[in-house]
Every structure is written in structure tokens, then in C-alpha cells.
Amino acid sequence: MKALIFFFLLLFSNPFLAQKKVKSLLSNPISEGYFADPSIVRVKDTFYIYATIDPWGSTELAVLATKDFKTFDQKHLNWPTKIACTSATSGDAMVWAPSVVKTKNGKYFMYVSVGSEVWAGVADNPLGPWKNAKADNSPLIKKNLFEGYHMIDAECFIDDNGQIYLYWGSGLNWVNGKCFMVKLKNDGVTFDGTPQDITPPNYFEAPFMLKKNNTYYLMYSEGKATNATYKVRYSTGKTPFGPWKEGVNSPILTTSKDSTTIGPGHHTVFNVKSQDYILYHRIFPQKKDYVLRQLCIDSLNFDRKGNIKKVIPKGISGF
């Protein structure tokens, strides 16, 4: 008993041991640098985080490889680039908002916004080499597909039966956001039907689809991405098309009362050891005409009725 008491006294009084205990936590932001709009893929023991490089995108994507979310190795991809992904209908916007998934046949698909158009890429490995999934090297969704709306923030969802769906869309001038979706054939680029408007309540941009217990959770961002109004909401439906009913507790992630987390949004969700996590960006305030954003992670939990609980932005204790 005396030995046990001595151990606990040593643990809580020794500054070195206490420091090691604190360092085991994954606090926000999780990495140095300014990144936004994350997507994540796990391959064996390595996580690959694909993200926009701030401010407002770059000529390429960021890819951060990590095994523990404490140390990150930034990689470079051959595709997409601003030069490779420019068409006759492209706008000036840089490389934004990737969505990367691994299909059941082992291929990796990427859907990314460049020039306010959605481009589709394919690769055999998470770091490539990547190439345009369309033989003619054109955008998958042109800037003018739906006039008056922003063709960005594409997110791929693969259902339990292997069916691929693509969701995308935002509003112009920070108003009038719309969510569009379409079924895709197995090649990841051929539309299986006509794109349709499935906009849920209080939607602006950045859709993400999650499925649990035969319920479809369409998650998304509302507000202005440059200030504290940006937040994460969700709606539920019985099909990938809806109809949608806004979820209990929505919005689930908002600017914190102490302003340590400002404008959280454009997220992804992943699972480790049966626990869901939400990976998102928050704003690092700047007195300039742009924003810098940082990557953050928190636990995502559900109540017994299947409602998503409010997310308290504080980081996690590790996996």
C-alpha cells in the first residue's frame, strides 16, 4: 500500500511525468500551418489528410500524413494543380476542398474544386500518381452547370451496396446556398441519372454524408466562412436523396463562448476503434482581407435515439 501511495505522489508531483501526461492529449489545432476543408483516408496505420492550403487555396493541395496526429509529414501530389485543372469555363479560384475515398475495387477517387468547378481524379495509391478520371481531361461539373450557384465543395459518399453518390454546391456572395447531388456509375465520373437539388434546411455549403442504422445524416455548413457565423448542422433522411428533416441539437458545432474556436466548419467524419471523430477547420483571426484556418479534431457522439450530440471543441485524449 505504501508503494502505491508513493507512486501516485510521484506521478502528480513530478513535473516531467505531468508534462508527459499532458502531451498525450490531442489538442486543437492538431497541426502547425493553415489548412481548411479536410478529407481523410486511412491506409493501414497511416492517415492521409487532404486539405485546402490557406489563404484561399493554392496551386496545389496539402496532404498531411500521420500515424498519431501529433507529427505530420506534408506531401506533394502531381495532381490536382491549378494549371492541370483549368478549362474554358473555369473561374479564378484556386485548388480547394478535396474529397478522397477508397472504392471497393481498391481505386482511390478524388473530387476537388478548382476554378469554381469540380474535377475528378483517380489513383491506385493515396499519394498517387493521380490523373484526371475523365479521358478528355475536362471538369466533371462545369462552373455554369447551375447558373447562380457555386459549383464547389463536392463530397463523395459510397453506400453499403457500393453505390457512389456525389454531393456539392454553395451560394454566391454568401447567400442562397444549394445542395446538389447525383448518382455515379462505377467509373466515378459517369452520371447515373440527372443531378438534382436536394437542399436540406439551413444549408449553405460543404455537404458530408454519414450513414448509421439505415439513417442518412446529411451534414453541412451554414454561415459565412470568414467569420464566427460559420457552423456545422445536420439533417436526417431515409434515402440518400432525402427528404430531409433538420436534426435534434442542430447546429452541433458553433463558435465557442470563449471564442477559442471561431467559425468551425467544412468537416469530415472518420471512425477509429468504434468511435466517430469530426475533423474540421476553425478560423485563426486576421486583420486582413482573408482568413487563415486551422485543422481541429473532436469526438462525434450520438444519443440513444440516434441524434448527434452537441460537439464541445476541446480536442481528444487520443485513439
Protein backbone atom coordinates (compact mmCIF):
# COMPACT_ATOMS: atom_id res chain seq x y z
CA MET A 1 0.00 0.00 0.00
CA LYS A 2 2.84 2.39 0.88
CA ALA A 3 4.43 1.71 -2.52
CA LEU A 4 1.14 2.52 -4.32
CA ILE A 5 0.73 5.78 -2.42
CA PHE A 6 4.33 6.72 -3.23
CA PHE A 7 3.68 6.06 -6.96
CA PHE A 8 0.69 8.42 -7.08
CA LEU A 9 2.55 11.10 -5.13
CA LEU A 10 5.40 10.81 -7.60
CA LEU A 11 3.05 10.97 -10.59
CA PHE A 12 1.28 14.16 -9.55
CA SER A 13 4.28 15.95 -8.05
CA ASN A 14 6.89 15.20 -10.72
CA PRO A 15 6.74 17.98 -13.37
CA PHE A 16 8.33 15.76 -16.02
CA LEU A 17 5.74 13.00 -15.65
CA ALA A 18 2.89 15.51 -15.58
CA GLN A 19 4.19 17.10 -18.75
CA LYS A 20 4.28 13.73 -20.49
CA LYS A 21 0.66 13.12 -19.48
CA VAL A 22 -0.46 16.43 -20.99
CA LYS A 23 1.40 15.73 -24.22
CA SER A 24 -0.63 12.54 -24.73
CA LEU A 25 -3.69 14.70 -25.42
CA LEU A 26 -4.56 15.79 -28.97
CA SER A 27 -5.33 19.47 -28.55
CA ASN A 28 -6.60 21.89 -31.18
CA PRO A 29 -5.29 22.87 -33.61
CA ILE A 30 -3.77 19.47 -34.35
CA SER A 31 -1.02 20.72 -36.65
CA GLU A 32 1.07 23.73 -37.49
CA GLY A 33 0.25 25.67 -40.63
CA TYR A 34 -3.01 26.94 -42.06
CA PHE A 35 -5.29 24.43 -43.76
CA ALA A 36 -9.02 24.03 -44.34
CA ASP A 37 -11.77 21.79 -45.77
CA PRO A 38 -10.22 18.45 -44.72
CA SER A 39 -10.85 14.98 -46.11
CA ILE A 40 -9.23 11.88 -44.60
CA VAL A 41 -8.29 8.37 -45.73
CA ARG A 42 -6.73 5.66 -43.58
CA VAL A 43 -4.36 3.10 -45.12
CA LYS A 44 -3.15 0.54 -42.56
CA ASP A 45 -1.59 2.61 -39.75
CA THR A 46 -1.31 5.88 -41.68
CA PHE A 47 -3.89 8.64 -42.03
CA TYR A 48 -3.76 10.94 -45.05
CA ILE A 49 -5.42 14.33 -44.55
CA TYR A 50 -6.12 16.21 -47.80
CA ALA A 51 -6.85 19.91 -47.34
CA THR A 52 -7.01 23.39 -48.81
CA ILE A 53 -3.86 25.47 -48.28
CA ASP A 54 -4.70 28.89 -46.85
CA PRO A 55 -5.15 31.72 -47.56
CA TRP A 56 -7.94 30.81 -50.00
CA GLY A 57 -6.22 27.89 -51.66
CA SER A 58 -3.00 27.41 -53.56
CA THR A 59 -1.85 25.97 -56.87
CA GLU A 60 -1.94 22.51 -55.25
CA LEU A 61 -3.47 20.62 -52.34
CA ALA A 62 -1.92 19.93 -48.97
CA VAL A 63 -1.59 16.30 -47.91
CA LEU A 64 -0.57 15.62 -44.31
CA ALA A 65 0.47 12.06 -43.48
CA THR A 66 0.36 10.99 -39.83
CA LYS A 67 0.24 7.89 -37.69
CA ASP A 68 -0.58 9.55 -34.37
CA PHE A 69 -1.99 13.05 -35.16
CA LYS A 70 1.00 14.53 -33.32
CA THR A 71 3.60 14.54 -36.06
CA PHE A 72 2.71 15.29 -39.68
CA ASP A 73 4.65 14.87 -42.90
CA GLN A 74 3.42 17.20 -45.64
CA LYS A 75 3.37 15.53 -49.05
CA HIS A 76 3.00 16.87 -52.58
CA LEU A 77 0.72 15.47 -55.27
CA ASN A 78 1.24 15.60 -59.03
CA TRP A 79 -2.50 16.32 -59.45
CA PRO A 80 -4.65 18.39 -58.99
CA THR A 81 -2.94 21.64 -59.83
CA LYS A 82 -4.34 24.96 -60.97
CA ILE A 83 -2.64 24.52 -64.35
CA ALA A 84 -3.84 20.95 -64.94
CA CYS A 85 -7.39 21.72 -63.83
CA THR A 86 -8.31 24.74 -65.92
CA SER A 87 -10.96 24.73 -68.63
CA ALA A 88 -12.66 27.21 -70.94
CA THR A 89 -15.36 27.71 -68.31
CA SER A 90 -13.10 27.92 -65.22
CA GLY A 91 -13.02 30.82 -62.82
CA ASP A 92 -10.08 32.30 -60.93
CA ALA A 93 -10.49 30.25 -57.73
CA MET A 94 -7.52 28.13 -56.71
CA VAL A 95 -7.41 24.47 -55.57
CA TRP A 96 -9.98 23.90 -52.82
CA ALA A 97 -11.93 21.40 -50.79
CA PRO A 98 -10.91 17.82 -51.66
CA SER A 99 -12.96 14.70 -51.02
CA VAL A 100 -11.00 11.45 -51.24
CA VAL A 101 -12.47 7.94 -50.93
CA LYS A 102 -11.30 4.38 -51.49
CA THR A 103 -13.70 2.27 -53.53
CA LYS A 104 -14.37 -1.44 -53.10
CA ASN A 105 -12.18 -2.25 -56.12
CA GLY A 106 -9.19 -0.60 -54.42
CA LYS A 107 -9.14 2.55 -56.52
CA TYR A 108 -8.97 5.99 -54.94
CA PHE A 109 -11.25 8.73 -56.23
CA MET A 110 -10.79 12.43 -55.54
CA TYR A 111 -13.33 15.20 -56.12
CA VAL A 112 -11.84 18.67 -55.83
CA SER A 113 -12.83 22.28 -56.55
CA VAL A 114 -10.58 24.24 -58.93
CA GLY A 115 -11.70 27.41 -60.67
CA SER A 116 -15.21 27.02 -59.17
CA GLU A 117 -15.58 23.69 -60.99
CA VAL A 118 -15.47 20.12 -59.68
CA TRP A 119 -12.75 17.89 -61.05
CA ALA A 120 -12.49 14.11 -60.56
CA GLY A 121 -9.22 12.26 -60.14
CA VAL A 122 -8.25 8.60 -59.81
CA ALA A 123 -5.20 6.81 -58.41
CA ASP A 124 -4.05 3.39 -57.25
CA ASN A 125 -2.44 4.82 -54.11
CA PRO A 126 -3.35 7.67 -51.72
CA LEU A 127 -0.33 9.71 -52.81
CA GLY A 128 -0.80 8.91 -56.48
CA PRO A 129 0.28 9.36 -59.10
CA TRP A 130 -3.12 10.93 -59.70
CA LYS A 131 -4.73 11.70 -63.01
CA ASN A 132 -7.99 13.15 -64.28
CA ALA A 133 -10.57 10.35 -64.14
CA LYS A 134 -12.13 11.65 -67.36
CA ALA A 135 -10.39 10.63 -70.55
CA ASP A 136 -10.81 14.09 -72.09
CA ASN A 137 -9.28 15.85 -69.03
CA SER A 138 -12.34 18.07 -68.63
CA PRO A 139 -14.09 19.07 -65.38
CA LEU A 140 -16.73 16.73 -64.02
CA ILE A 141 -19.01 19.63 -63.08
CA LYS A 142 -18.60 22.86 -65.00
CA LYS A 143 -18.88 26.27 -63.40
CA ASN A 144 -22.08 27.03 -65.31
CA LEU A 145 -23.96 23.76 -64.68
CA PHE A 146 -26.46 25.56 -62.43
CA GLU A 147 -26.37 29.29 -63.10
CA GLY A 148 -26.49 31.43 -59.98
CA TYR A 149 -24.90 28.86 -57.69
CA HIS A 150 -21.36 27.96 -56.76
CA MET A 151 -20.17 24.56 -58.08
CA ILE A 152 -17.77 23.73 -55.24
CA ASP A 153 -17.32 21.53 -52.15
CA ALA A 154 -18.01 18.17 -53.77
CA GLU A 155 -18.22 15.25 -51.34
CA CYS A 156 -18.32 11.58 -52.33
CA PHE A 157 -20.38 9.02 -50.40
CA ILE A 158 -20.28 5.26 -51.03
CA ASP A 159 -23.33 3.42 -49.71
CA ASP A 160 -23.28 -0.06 -48.16
CA ASN A 161 -24.12 -1.64 -51.53
CA GLY A 162 -21.21 0.12 -53.25
CA GLN A 163 -23.35 2.75 -54.97
CA ILE A 164 -21.46 6.04 -55.37
CA TYR A 165 -23.15 9.40 -54.78
CA LEU A 166 -21.74 12.90 -55.19
CA TYR A 167 -22.97 15.95 -53.26
CA TRP A 168 -21.86 19.54 -53.87
CA GLY A 169 -22.90 23.17 -54.05
CA SER A 170 -22.83 26.55 -52.35
CA GLY A 171 -24.29 30.01 -52.83
CA LEU A 172 -22.83 33.08 -54.47
CA ASN A 173 -21.92 36.15 -52.41
CA TRP A 174 -22.54 34.22 -49.16
CA VAL A 175 -26.26 33.77 -49.79
CA ASN A 176 -28.66 31.28 -51.34
CA GLY A 177 -26.74 28.06 -50.76
CA LYS A 178 -27.94 24.98 -52.65
CA CYS A 179 -27.01 21.30 -52.31
CA PHE A 180 -26.99 19.24 -55.49
CA MET A 181 -26.42 15.51 -55.85
CA VAL A 182 -26.16 12.76 -58.45
CA LYS A 183 -25.61 9.01 -58.57
CA LEU A 184 -22.36 7.96 -60.23
CA LYS A 185 -21.54 4.78 -62.08
CA ASN A 186 -18.59 2.63 -61.01
CA ASP A 187 -16.12 4.64 -63.07
CA GLY A 188 -16.68 7.53 -60.66
CA VAL A 189 -17.40 10.07 -63.40
CA THR A 190 -20.44 8.95 -65.38
CA PHE A 191 -23.75 10.36 -64.13
CA ASP A 192 -26.37 7.69 -63.45
CA GLY A 193 -29.37 9.99 -63.79
CA THR A 194 -29.81 13.74 -63.70
CA PRO A 195 -28.27 15.97 -60.98
CA GLN A 196 -30.94 17.26 -58.64
CA ASP A 197 -31.45 19.85 -55.93
CA ILE A 198 -31.81 18.17 -52.51
CA THR A 199 -31.09 21.19 -50.32
CA PRO A 200 -31.81 20.50 -46.61
CA PRO A 201 -32.88 23.12 -44.03
CA ASN A 202 -30.40 25.91 -43.25
CA TYR A 203 -27.82 24.71 -45.77
CA PHE A 204 -25.10 26.86 -47.25
CA GLU A 205 -22.18 24.60 -48.33
CA ALA A 206 -19.76 21.74 -47.54
CA PRO A 207 -22.05 18.67 -47.52
CA PHE A 208 -20.91 15.43 -45.88
CA MET A 209 -22.93 12.21 -45.82
CA LEU A 210 -22.86 9.75 -42.92
CA LYS A 211 -24.97 6.61 -42.58
CA LYS A 212 -25.84 4.81 -39.34
CA ASN A 213 -28.54 2.23 -38.64
CA ASN A 214 -30.18 2.83 -42.04
CA THR A 215 -30.47 6.55 -41.38
CA TYR A 216 -28.72 9.01 -43.68
CA TYR A 217 -27.16 12.01 -41.93
CA LEU A 218 -26.52 14.87 -44.34
CA MET A 219 -24.14 17.18 -42.50
CA TYR A 220 -23.15 20.61 -43.81
CA SER A 221 -22.01 24.14 -43.01
CA GLU A 222 -24.08 27.29 -42.66
CA GLY A 223 -22.99 30.90 -42.28
CA LYS A 224 -20.11 32.90 -43.69
CA ALA A 225 -16.76 31.10 -43.82
CA THR A 226 -14.90 34.28 -42.92
CA ASN A 227 -16.45 34.93 -39.52
CA ALA A 228 -17.99 33.50 -36.36
CA THR A 229 -21.34 32.70 -38.03
CA TYR A 230 -19.88 29.59 -39.69
CA LYS A 231 -21.15 26.38 -38.08
CA VAL A 232 -21.98 22.69 -38.65
CA ARG A 233 -25.58 21.49 -38.99
CA TYR A 234 -27.18 18.19 -39.96
CA SER A 235 -30.43 16.74 -41.26
CA THR A 236 -31.66 13.15 -41.48
CA GLY A 237 -33.48 11.12 -44.11
CA LYS A 238 -34.31 7.56 -45.08
CA THR A 239 -32.68 7.73 -48.52
CA PRO A 240 -29.51 9.38 -49.92
CA PHE A 241 -31.83 11.88 -51.68
CA GLY A 242 -33.87 12.83 -48.59
CA PRO A 243 -36.41 14.26 -47.94
CA TRP A 244 -34.60 15.90 -45.05
CA LYS A 245 -35.59 16.90 -41.54
CA GLU A 246 -33.15 19.01 -39.57
CA GLY A 247 -31.67 17.02 -36.72
CA VAL A 248 -32.10 17.41 -33.00
CA ASN A 249 -29.31 19.57 -31.49
CA SER A 250 -28.52 21.15 -34.89
CA PRO A 251 -26.31 23.15 -35.18
CA ILE A 252 -23.94 20.75 -33.44
CA LEU A 253 -20.69 22.73 -33.71
CA THR A 254 -20.52 26.51 -33.38
CA THR A 255 -18.21 29.30 -32.27
CA SER A 256 -17.39 28.68 -28.60
CA LYS A 257 -18.49 31.12 -25.91
CA ASP A 258 -14.86 31.90 -25.02
CA SER A 259 -14.01 32.44 -28.72
CA THR A 260 -11.15 29.94 -28.66
CA THR A 261 -12.97 28.23 -31.52
CA ILE A 262 -14.24 30.65 -34.15
CA GLY A 263 -16.23 29.71 -37.24
CA PRO A 264 -15.84 25.91 -37.16
CA GLY A 265 -16.98 24.12 -40.29
CA HIS A 266 -16.37 22.23 -43.55
CA HIS A 267 -15.71 18.94 -41.85
CA THR A 268 -15.30 15.24 -42.41
CA VAL A 269 -16.07 12.28 -40.13
CA PHE A 270 -13.99 9.16 -39.59
CA ASN A 271 -14.03 6.20 -37.20
CA VAL A 272 -11.31 4.62 -35.08
CA LYS A 273 -11.98 1.71 -32.73
CA SER A 274 -15.77 2.20 -32.98
CA GLN A 275 -15.54 5.90 -32.04
CA ASP A 276 -16.50 8.62 -34.52
CA TYR A 277 -14.42 11.76 -34.83
CA ILE A 278 -15.12 15.06 -36.57
CA LEU A 279 -12.20 16.71 -38.35
CA TYR A 280 -12.88 20.33 -39.30
CA HIS A 281 -11.30 23.76 -39.59
CA ARG A 282 -11.63 26.83 -37.43
CA ILE A 283 -10.68 30.44 -38.13
CA PHE A 284 -7.41 31.96 -36.96
CA PRO A 285 -8.36 35.67 -36.81
CA GLN A 286 -6.51 38.01 -39.16
CA LYS A 287 -6.87 41.76 -39.58
CA LYS A 288 -6.58 41.36 -43.32
CA ASP A 289 -8.82 40.73 -46.31
CA TYR A 290 -8.56 36.96 -45.95
CA VAL A 291 -8.82 34.31 -43.25
CA LEU A 292 -6.38 31.67 -42.12
CA ARG A 293 -7.82 28.40 -40.87
CA GLN A 294 -6.53 25.58 -38.68
CA LEU A 295 -7.37 21.88 -38.51
CA CYS A 296 -9.14 20.61 -35.39
CA ILE A 297 -10.49 17.29 -34.15
CA ASP A 298 -13.17 16.35 -31.63
CA SER A 299 -15.27 13.33 -30.73
CA LEU A 300 -18.62 12.92 -32.50
CA ASN A 301 -21.24 11.15 -30.41
CA PHE A 302 -24.86 10.03 -30.74
CA ASP A 303 -27.58 9.61 -28.14
CA ARG A 304 -29.78 6.52 -27.80
CA LYS A 305 -32.30 7.91 -30.27
CA GLY A 306 -29.66 8.41 -32.96
CA ASN A 307 -29.40 12.17 -32.60
CA ILE A 308 -25.97 13.73 -32.97
CA LYS A 309 -24.92 15.34 -29.71
CA LYS A 310 -23.50 18.84 -29.44
CA VAL A 311 -19.76 18.91 -30.08
CA ILE A 312 -17.70 20.63 -27.41
CA PRO A 313 -14.49 21.81 -29.11
CA LYS A 314 -11.71 20.69 -26.79
CA GLY A 315 -9.64 18.08 -28.65
CA ILE A 316 -9.45 14.40 -27.74
CA SER A 317 -7.49 12.22 -25.36
CA GLY A 318 -6.03 10.09 -28.14
CA PHE A 319 -7.11 7.00 -30.02
